[in-house]
Amino acid sequence: MPESNDILAVIMGGGRGSRLYPLTKLRAKPAVPIGGKYRLIDTTLSNCINSGIYRIAVLTQFNTVSLHRHITSTYNFDTFHTGWVQILAAEQTLESLDWYQGTADAVRKQLGEIQVTNTEHTLILAGDHLYRMDYQEMANFHIENDADVTVAVQPIFKEDAPRFGLLKREEGGRISDFVEKPKDKETQEKFISRDDEERPFLGSMGIYLFKTQVLIDLLKGYPAYDDFGSDVIPHAIKSHHVFGFDFDGYWRDIGTIRAFYDTNLELTLSNAPFNFYSKKSPIYTHARYLPGSTVEDSHLKDVLLADGCRIRQADIRHSVIGLRSRIGSGVHIKDSIIMGADSYVIKGTSGIKVGIGEDCDIEGAILDKNIRLGKGVVIKPFSRGTDIDAEKYIVRDGIVIIPKNTYIAAGTRITPEDI
């Protein structure tokens, strides 16, 4: 088993995150809140810590302020610990005036920082996936097979094959071929790697463990390769020993508004496929020291409730209620994500309290942080596939999103019948 100091984890901080807009209007994708109190990047950082990997670099570029603030205020090891979480922001240099052009290009531009860590292996991770994984098991597999590159793979259902990069794995675990999102059945059949009628394919999870010298050689030797998934890995399969490491646990790529919405609402169920209740492998986040939530004369069913909330005479079903949420009397909330607030009163709003005013009716919506809804606001979902861009709200795939810091006046109706 490799020592923890032999592995450097490099977490990709994400690009523009346009498919998660407007949640990414003011923040990087890994900084988007999830599960009421966490950020997307918390799961990846926590997986590293729980796996004994304490040298972590986060590569950032777009809308980085909140992500930087969260990382620097949360992930601080004490002075007796040799580990660190370091932010490597995109920068213009004498060698390059360009920003990161892709995942591989981002790592290429930081190879100097990677080399000075003197680690034998480099683990490349995404900062916007939700999963719990022990990377040491992958590292053991990597070492045992003397792999140049190890790719984490997950079984894929037949119907999902056109949405994934598929890997062909031979007996012994070595990857022999790769195809990106194949549409035709004939191509798909060439990539069957499992004796399983329902899940015969293996899809890449975007998790790569390299021998550091191999990573350096590939990135320096092929400067036109900007992306790991579509450029570096397919080439490495032809020239190096690339192996596939099995992971059959819960894993979600939070890449779209629909994926974000469905994943959050899954967390509200008693039999949720992923939960944050693990003593052995906890998910860490910023310690806020908020009081417990108070709920007065209300009905809650299948609700994930965070700290510091005040709920009064409300009916809430199948929803996530985030930090510091204020919900007035007579409010009905269903199938919605309420992200809460950064504070109870936002400066510059004449003291108007953040939260949901009396008698609001909200269904099928995402309310970003620091939202103020006046009395009697009604929000209802649209049919799937509906996209609308309005001044104070966005509709994506039928889901209504109220962007961060928005004020919606009393009596406003955002419904299919009123638009």
Protein backbone atom coordinates (compact mmCIF):
# COMPACT_ATOMS: atom_id res chain seq x y z
CA MET A 1 0.00 0.00 0.00
CA PRO A 2 1.45 3.43 -0.94
CA GLU A 3 2.20 5.89 1.85
CA SER A 4 -0.13 8.89 2.06
CA ASN A 5 2.77 11.20 1.14
CA ASP A 6 3.28 9.22 -2.08
CA ILE A 7 -0.04 10.46 -3.54
CA LEU A 8 -0.97 13.99 -4.56
CA ALA A 9 -4.68 14.61 -5.15
CA VAL A 10 -5.50 17.21 -7.80
CA ILE A 11 -9.13 18.34 -7.79
CA MET A 12 -10.53 20.12 -10.83
CA GLY A 13 -12.35 23.28 -9.76
CA GLY A 14 -14.62 23.34 -12.80
CA GLY A 15 -15.16 25.67 -15.73
CA ARG A 16 -18.10 27.97 -16.36
CA GLY A 17 -20.67 25.36 -15.33
CA SER A 18 -23.14 26.70 -17.89
CA ARG A 19 -25.46 23.70 -17.57
CA LEU A 20 -25.92 24.54 -13.87
CA TYR A 21 -26.72 28.21 -14.56
CA PRO A 22 -28.01 30.29 -12.72
CA LEU A 23 -26.63 28.41 -9.68
CA THR A 24 -23.19 29.12 -11.17
CA LYS A 25 -23.88 32.77 -11.93
CA LEU A 26 -21.96 33.94 -8.85
CA ARG A 27 -19.98 30.83 -7.89
CA ALA A 28 -17.90 27.99 -9.29
CA LYS A 29 -19.68 24.69 -9.81
CA PRO A 30 -17.91 22.87 -6.93
CA ALA A 31 -19.06 25.67 -4.59
CA VAL A 32 -22.77 25.08 -5.30
CA PRO A 33 -24.57 24.13 -2.04
CA ILE A 34 -25.97 20.61 -1.71
CA GLY A 35 -27.77 18.68 1.01
CA GLY A 36 -28.78 21.79 2.95
CA LYS A 37 -25.37 22.62 4.46
CA TYR A 38 -22.57 21.27 2.26
CA ARG A 39 -20.83 22.33 -0.95
CA LEU A 40 -20.31 19.95 -3.87
CA ILE A 41 -16.54 19.93 -3.39
CA ASP A 42 -16.89 18.77 0.23
CA THR A 43 -17.47 15.15 -0.80
CA THR A 44 -14.29 14.95 -2.89
CA LEU A 45 -12.16 16.68 -0.26
CA SER A 46 -13.63 14.47 2.46
CA ASN A 47 -12.95 11.34 0.40
CA CYS A 48 -9.29 12.37 0.20
CA ILE A 49 -9.02 12.96 3.95
CA ASN A 50 -10.87 9.74 4.80
CA SER A 51 -8.55 7.85 2.43
CA GLY A 52 -5.44 9.16 4.18
CA ILE A 53 -4.49 11.49 1.33
CA TYR A 54 -3.49 14.80 2.89
CA ARG A 55 -1.69 16.54 0.04
CA ILE A 56 -4.44 18.13 -2.01
CA ALA A 57 -4.32 20.77 -4.75
CA VAL A 58 -7.52 22.40 -6.06
CA LEU A 59 -7.27 23.94 -9.54
CA THR A 60 -9.61 26.92 -9.92
CA GLN A 61 -10.40 29.45 -12.61
CA PHE A 62 -14.01 30.69 -12.88
CA ASN A 63 -16.08 32.57 -10.25
CA THR A 64 -13.63 31.43 -7.59
CA VAL A 65 -14.24 33.79 -4.65
CA SER A 66 -16.79 31.72 -2.73
CA LEU A 67 -14.93 28.48 -3.50
CA HIS A 68 -11.64 29.91 -2.25
CA ARG A 69 -13.34 31.30 0.86
CA HIS A 70 -14.97 27.96 1.65
CA ILE A 71 -11.78 25.93 1.20
CA THR A 72 -9.49 28.27 3.14
CA SER A 73 -11.93 28.64 6.04
CA THR A 74 -12.73 24.92 6.27
CA TYR A 75 -9.77 22.72 5.36
CA ASN A 76 -6.96 23.76 7.68
CA PHE A 77 -4.75 21.05 9.17
CA ASP A 78 -3.02 21.79 12.47
CA THR A 79 0.67 22.67 12.83
CA PHE A 80 1.58 19.09 13.80
CA HIS A 81 0.19 17.72 10.53
CA THR A 82 2.22 17.51 7.32
CA GLY A 83 -0.83 17.74 5.05
CA TRP A 84 -2.27 20.73 3.22
CA VAL A 85 -5.03 21.83 0.87
CA GLN A 86 -3.59 24.26 -1.66
CA ILE A 87 -5.43 26.37 -4.23
CA LEU A 88 -3.75 26.62 -7.64
CA ALA A 89 -5.58 29.38 -9.49
CA ALA A 90 -5.27 29.93 -13.23
CA GLU A 91 -2.74 32.65 -14.00
CA GLN A 92 -1.02 34.33 -16.89
CA THR A 93 2.74 33.77 -16.99
CA LEU A 94 5.68 34.61 -19.23
CA GLU A 95 5.32 31.13 -20.73
CA SER A 96 1.55 31.29 -21.31
CA LEU A 97 -1.06 34.05 -21.49
CA ASP A 98 -3.94 31.55 -21.86
CA TRP A 99 -6.30 30.40 -19.12
CA TYR A 100 -7.02 26.70 -18.60
CA GLN A 101 -8.29 25.20 -21.85
CA GLY A 102 -9.47 21.91 -20.33
CA THR A 103 -8.79 19.47 -17.51
CA ALA A 104 -5.48 18.21 -18.90
CA ASP A 105 -4.33 21.70 -19.85
CA ALA A 106 -5.08 22.90 -16.31
CA VAL A 107 -2.83 20.21 -14.85
CA ARG A 108 -0.18 20.88 -17.51
CA LYS A 109 -0.01 24.54 -16.52
CA GLN A 110 0.56 23.49 -12.89
CA LEU A 111 3.13 20.74 -13.52
CA GLY A 112 5.80 22.79 -11.77
CA GLU A 113 3.76 22.86 -8.56
CA ILE A 114 2.99 19.15 -8.93
CA GLN A 115 6.63 18.19 -9.41
CA VAL A 116 7.86 20.02 -6.29
CA THR A 117 5.59 17.83 -4.12
CA ASN A 118 7.84 14.90 -5.11
CA THR A 119 4.99 12.38 -5.00
CA GLU A 120 5.17 9.13 -6.95
CA HIS A 121 1.51 9.14 -7.94
CA THR A 122 -1.03 11.82 -8.87
CA LEU A 123 -4.77 11.33 -8.42
CA ILE A 124 -6.97 13.44 -10.70
CA LEU A 125 -10.47 14.13 -9.34
CA ALA A 126 -13.55 16.17 -10.21
CA GLY A 127 -14.94 18.65 -7.70
CA ASP A 128 -18.60 18.34 -8.70
CA HIS A 129 -19.45 14.66 -8.12
CA LEU A 130 -21.40 13.20 -5.19
CA TYR A 131 -20.05 9.87 -3.93
CA ARG A 132 -18.15 8.23 -1.09
CA MET A 133 -15.00 6.31 -2.09
CA ASP A 134 -11.84 4.98 -0.47
CA TYR A 135 -9.07 6.01 -2.84
CA GLN A 136 -6.58 3.77 -1.01
CA GLU A 137 -8.34 0.72 -2.47
CA MET A 138 -7.83 2.18 -5.93
CA ALA A 139 -4.19 2.96 -5.07
CA ASN A 140 -3.59 -0.62 -3.91
CA PHE A 141 -5.03 -1.93 -7.19
CA HIS A 142 -2.85 0.53 -9.10
CA ILE A 143 0.33 -0.60 -7.32
CA GLU A 144 -0.44 -4.33 -7.48
CA ASN A 145 -0.87 -4.15 -11.27
CA ASP A 146 2.11 -1.82 -11.77
CA ALA A 147 -0.26 0.37 -13.78
CA ASP A 148 0.88 3.54 -15.49
CA VAL A 149 -2.67 4.85 -15.30
CA THR A 150 -5.69 3.53 -13.43
CA VAL A 151 -9.20 4.70 -14.34
CA ALA A 152 -12.11 4.29 -11.92
CA VAL A 153 -14.96 2.61 -13.81
CA GLN A 154 -18.58 1.94 -12.99
CA PRO A 155 -21.07 -0.55 -14.51
CA ILE A 156 -23.41 1.17 -16.98
CA PHE A 157 -26.94 0.19 -18.01
CA LYS A 158 -27.52 -0.50 -21.70
CA GLU A 159 -29.80 2.49 -22.10
CA ASP A 160 -27.20 4.83 -20.57
CA ALA A 161 -24.36 3.86 -22.93
CA PRO A 162 -24.83 6.89 -25.27
CA ARG A 163 -24.24 9.26 -22.32
CA PHE A 164 -20.87 7.87 -21.17
CA GLY A 165 -17.35 7.30 -22.31
CA LEU A 166 -17.12 3.50 -22.48
CA LEU A 167 -13.97 1.50 -21.74
CA LYS A 168 -13.22 -1.99 -23.04
CA ARG A 169 -11.55 -4.03 -20.29
CA GLU A 170 -9.85 -7.36 -20.89
CA GLU A 171 -9.29 -10.22 -18.46
CA GLY A 172 -6.77 -9.14 -15.87
CA GLY A 173 -8.18 -5.61 -15.73
CA ARG A 174 -6.24 -3.89 -18.50
CA ILE A 175 -8.13 -1.35 -20.63
CA SER A 176 -7.72 -1.98 -24.35
CA ASP A 177 -10.02 0.58 -25.99
CA PHE A 178 -12.19 3.64 -25.43
CA VAL A 179 -15.17 5.23 -27.17
CA GLU A 180 -16.87 8.51 -26.31
CA LYS A 181 -20.69 8.34 -26.01
CA PRO A 182 -21.43 5.75 -28.74
CA LYS A 183 -24.86 6.06 -30.34
CA ASP A 184 -25.04 2.97 -32.56
CA LYS A 185 -25.60 -0.55 -31.22
CA GLU A 186 -22.83 -2.09 -33.32
CA THR A 187 -20.18 0.11 -31.68
CA GLN A 188 -21.63 -0.46 -28.23
CA GLU A 189 -21.46 -4.25 -28.61
CA LYS A 190 -17.69 -4.03 -29.13
CA PHE A 191 -17.35 -2.50 -25.65
CA ILE A 192 -19.12 -5.14 -23.60
CA SER A 193 -16.84 -5.81 -20.61
CA ARG A 194 -19.16 -7.49 -18.09
CA ASP A 195 -21.18 -10.69 -18.07
CA ASP A 196 -24.29 -8.82 -17.04
CA GLU A 197 -27.37 -8.50 -19.25
CA GLU A 198 -28.56 -5.24 -17.67
CA ARG A 199 -25.18 -3.53 -17.11
CA PRO A 200 -22.72 -4.93 -19.65
CA PHE A 201 -20.63 -1.75 -20.06
CA LEU A 202 -18.01 0.07 -18.01
CA GLY A 203 -18.12 3.86 -17.94
CA SER A 204 -15.33 6.21 -16.88
CA MET A 205 -16.01 8.14 -13.65
CA GLY A 206 -13.49 10.87 -14.43
CA ILE A 207 -11.16 9.61 -11.66
CA TYR A 208 -7.59 8.89 -12.80
CA LEU A 209 -4.52 7.73 -10.87
CA PHE A 210 -1.23 8.30 -12.72
CA LYS A 211 2.35 7.49 -12.03
CA THR A 212 3.48 11.11 -11.75
CA GLN A 213 6.29 10.72 -14.27
CA VAL A 214 3.87 9.17 -16.78
CA LEU A 215 1.51 12.11 -16.27
CA ILE A 216 4.36 14.57 -16.87
CA ASP A 217 5.51 12.73 -20.00
CA LEU A 218 2.01 12.60 -21.49
CA LEU A 219 1.19 16.25 -20.82
CA LYS A 220 4.54 17.57 -22.01
CA GLY A 221 4.76 15.19 -24.96
CA TYR A 222 1.33 16.05 -26.32
CA PRO A 223 0.72 19.79 -25.71
CA ALA A 224 -2.40 19.81 -27.92
CA TYR A 225 -4.20 17.39 -25.59
CA ASP A 226 -6.42 19.64 -23.47
CA ASP A 227 -8.77 17.11 -21.85
CA PHE A 228 -8.18 13.90 -19.93
CA GLY A 229 -11.37 12.10 -20.95
CA SER A 230 -11.30 12.74 -24.67
CA ASP A 231 -7.55 13.19 -25.32
CA VAL A 232 -5.07 11.90 -22.73
CA ILE A 233 -6.74 8.66 -21.61
CA PRO A 234 -7.54 7.35 -25.15
CA HIS A 235 -3.91 7.98 -26.14
CA ALA A 236 -2.51 6.42 -22.95
CA ILE A 237 -4.53 3.25 -23.60
CA LYS A 238 -2.56 2.75 -26.82
CA SER A 239 0.88 3.54 -25.39
CA HIS A 240 0.84 2.65 -21.66
CA HIS A 241 -0.48 0.12 -19.17
CA VAL A 242 -3.95 1.44 -18.32
CA PHE A 243 -6.16 -0.52 -15.90
CA GLY A 244 -9.80 -0.19 -14.85
CA PHE A 245 -10.65 -0.15 -11.14
CA ASP A 246 -14.19 -1.26 -10.28
CA PHE A 247 -16.45 1.00 -8.22
CA ASP A 248 -20.08 -0.08 -7.90
CA GLY A 249 -21.24 2.33 -5.20
CA TYR A 250 -23.37 5.46 -5.40
CA TRP A 251 -21.96 8.08 -7.77
CA ARG A 252 -23.60 11.09 -9.38
CA ASP A 253 -22.20 13.67 -11.76
CA ILE A 254 -24.02 16.88 -10.78
CA GLY A 255 -23.70 18.41 -14.23
CA THR A 256 -27.19 19.73 -14.99
CA ILE A 257 -30.03 21.47 -13.17
CA ARG A 258 -32.14 18.30 -13.46
CA ALA A 259 -29.35 16.13 -11.99
CA PHE A 260 -28.83 18.64 -9.17
CA TYR A 261 -32.56 18.80 -8.42
CA ASP A 262 -33.16 15.03 -8.48
CA THR A 263 -30.04 14.24 -6.44
CA ASN A 264 -30.95 16.71 -3.70
CA LEU A 265 -34.50 15.42 -3.40
CA GLU A 266 -33.20 11.85 -3.19
CA LEU A 267 -31.46 12.90 0.03
CA THR A 268 -34.80 13.59 1.72
CA LEU A 269 -35.94 9.96 1.61
CA SER A 270 -35.55 7.54 4.51
CA ASN A 271 -33.95 5.01 2.16
CA ALA A 272 -31.83 7.57 0.30
CA PRO A 273 -29.20 5.91 -1.93
CA PHE A 274 -26.63 8.35 -0.51
CA ASN A 275 -26.58 9.87 2.95
CA PHE A 276 -24.23 11.90 5.09
CA TYR A 277 -24.53 9.59 8.10
CA SER A 278 -21.19 7.81 8.31
CA LYS A 279 -19.02 7.71 11.40
CA LYS A 280 -16.23 5.99 9.49
CA SER A 281 -16.25 8.27 6.44
CA PRO A 282 -17.88 11.60 7.38
CA ILE A 283 -18.38 14.42 4.92
CA TYR A 284 -16.71 17.55 6.26
CA THR A 285 -17.81 21.13 5.71
CA HIS A 286 -17.49 24.60 7.23
CA ALA A 287 -18.25 24.68 10.98
CA ARG A 288 -20.85 27.42 11.51
CA TYR A 289 -21.94 26.94 15.15
CA LEU A 290 -25.57 27.65 14.34
CA PRO A 291 -28.41 26.91 16.79
CA GLY A 292 -30.78 24.03 16.21
CA SER A 293 -33.76 24.71 13.98
CA THR A 294 -37.11 25.63 15.54
CA VAL A 295 -40.32 24.26 14.04
CA GLU A 296 -43.62 25.62 15.34
CA ASP A 297 -47.01 23.97 14.66
CA SER A 298 -45.92 22.68 11.23
CA HIS A 299 -46.19 19.51 9.16
CA LEU A 300 -42.99 18.12 7.64
CA LYS A 301 -42.75 14.91 5.60
CA ASP A 302 -39.57 13.66 3.87
CA VAL A 303 -37.69 16.86 4.66
CA LEU A 304 -33.93 17.35 4.95
CA LEU A 305 -33.64 20.21 7.47
CA ALA A 306 -30.38 22.07 8.10
CA ASP A 307 -29.31 24.15 11.11
CA GLY A 308 -30.44 27.61 12.15
CA CYS A 309 -33.90 27.53 10.55
CA ARG A 310 -37.13 29.05 11.86
CA ILE A 311 -40.33 27.49 10.54
CA ARG A 312 -43.78 28.61 11.67
CA GLN A 313 -47.11 26.96 10.80
CA ALA A 314 -45.94 25.60 7.45
CA ASP A 315 -46.57 22.47 5.41
CA ILE A 316 -43.37 21.10 3.83
CA ARG A 317 -43.09 17.87 1.83
CA HIS A 318 -40.24 16.15 -0.02
CA SER A 319 -37.92 19.16 0.14
CA VAL A 320 -34.48 20.33 1.28
CA ILE A 321 -34.46 23.28 3.68
CA GLY A 322 -31.02 24.87 3.89
CA LEU A 323 -29.15 26.84 6.54
CA ARG A 324 -30.87 29.82 8.23
CA SER A 325 -34.10 29.40 6.28
CA ARG A 326 -37.02 31.51 7.52
CA ILE A 327 -40.43 30.20 6.52
CA GLY A 328 -43.57 32.10 7.47
CA SER A 329 -47.02 30.88 8.49
CA GLY A 330 -49.37 29.41 5.91
CA VAL A 331 -46.52 28.45 3.56
CA HIS A 332 -46.74 25.29 1.44
CA ILE A 333 -43.52 23.83 0.01
CA LYS A 334 -43.34 20.65 -2.08
CA ASP A 335 -40.62 19.02 -4.20
CA SER A 336 -38.33 22.01 -3.75
CA ILE A 337 -34.81 22.99 -2.69
CA ILE A 338 -34.56 26.01 -0.40
CA MET A 339 -30.85 26.83 0.01
CA GLY A 340 -31.29 29.20 2.93
CA ALA A 341 -29.22 32.28 3.65
CA ASP A 342 -25.73 33.51 4.50
CA SER A 343 -27.19 35.68 7.28
CA TYR A 344 -30.61 36.58 8.65
CA VAL A 345 -30.58 40.16 7.34
CA ILE A 346 -28.72 41.08 4.15
CA LYS A 347 -27.03 44.49 4.05
CA GLY A 348 -28.49 46.97 1.59
CA THR A 349 -32.04 45.58 1.76
CA SER A 350 -33.42 48.11 4.26
CA GLY A 351 -33.56 45.43 6.92
CA ILE A 352 -35.98 43.23 4.96
CA LYS A 353 -35.63 39.71 6.33
CA VAL A 354 -34.51 36.99 4.02
CA GLY A 355 -36.77 34.00 3.67
CA ILE A 356 -40.24 33.01 2.54
CA GLY A 357 -43.14 35.26 3.50
CA GLU A 358 -46.56 34.19 4.70
CA ASP A 359 -48.99 32.18 2.53
CA CYS A 360 -46.48 31.37 -0.24
CA ASP A 361 -47.05 28.23 -2.31
CA ILE A 362 -43.87 26.74 -3.78
CA GLU A 363 -43.58 23.53 -5.80
CA GLY A 364 -40.92 22.15 -8.13
CA ALA A 365 -38.48 24.99 -7.51
CA ILE A 366 -34.91 25.78 -6.47
CA LEU A 367 -34.50 28.91 -4.35
CA ASP A 368 -30.86 29.92 -4.19
CA LYS A 369 -29.38 31.67 -1.14
CA ASN A 370 -30.63 34.95 0.34
CA ILE A 371 -34.00 34.89 -1.44
CA ARG A 372 -36.77 37.20 -0.19
CA LEU A 373 -40.32 36.24 -1.12
CA GLY A 374 -43.18 38.59 -0.28
CA LYS A 375 -46.55 37.39 1.00
CA GLY A 376 -48.59 35.10 -1.23
CA VAL A 377 -45.96 34.31 -3.90
CA VAL A 378 -46.90 31.25 -5.98
CA ILE A 379 -44.32 29.17 -7.86
CA LYS A 380 -45.29 26.02 -9.78
CA PRO A 381 -43.26 23.68 -12.04
CA PHE A 382 -43.46 23.77 -15.82
CA SER A 383 -43.58 20.76 -18.11
CA ARG A 384 -40.28 18.90 -18.61
CA GLY A 385 -38.15 20.37 -21.35
CA THR A 386 -39.37 23.93 -20.75
CA ASP A 387 -36.61 26.58 -20.67
CA ILE A 388 -37.35 30.24 -19.89
CA ASP A 389 -35.04 33.17 -19.10
CA ALA A 390 -36.86 35.94 -17.22
CA GLU A 391 -35.62 38.92 -15.23
CA LYS A 392 -36.07 37.41 -11.77
CA TYR A 393 -36.32 33.70 -12.46
CA ILE A 394 -35.00 30.99 -14.78
CA VAL A 395 -36.76 27.79 -15.88
CA ARG A 396 -34.60 24.82 -16.83
CA ASP A 397 -36.17 21.51 -17.86
CA GLY A 398 -39.39 22.65 -16.16
CA ILE A 399 -37.71 23.50 -12.83
CA VAL A 400 -38.10 27.11 -11.64
CA ILE A 401 -34.88 28.60 -10.23
CA ILE A 402 -34.80 31.87 -8.29
CA PRO A 403 -31.21 33.20 -8.49
CA LYS A 404 -29.20 34.21 -5.44
CA ASN A 405 -30.11 37.50 -3.67
CA THR A 406 -33.38 37.94 -5.60
CA TYR A 407 -36.44 39.73 -4.20
CA ILE A 408 -39.87 38.57 -5.43
CA ALA A 409 -42.69 41.00 -4.65
CA ALA A 410 -45.83 39.95 -2.77
CA GLY A 411 -48.50 38.33 -4.89
CA THR A 412 -46.17 37.35 -7.76
CA ARG A 413 -47.20 34.21 -9.64
CA ILE A 414 -44.66 32.12 -11.55
CA THR A 415 -46.76 29.32 -12.98
CA PRO A 416 -47.44 27.86 -16.46
CA GLU A 417 -50.92 29.42 -16.39
CA ASP A 418 -49.64 32.92 -15.65
CA ILE A 419 -46.69 33.12 -18.06
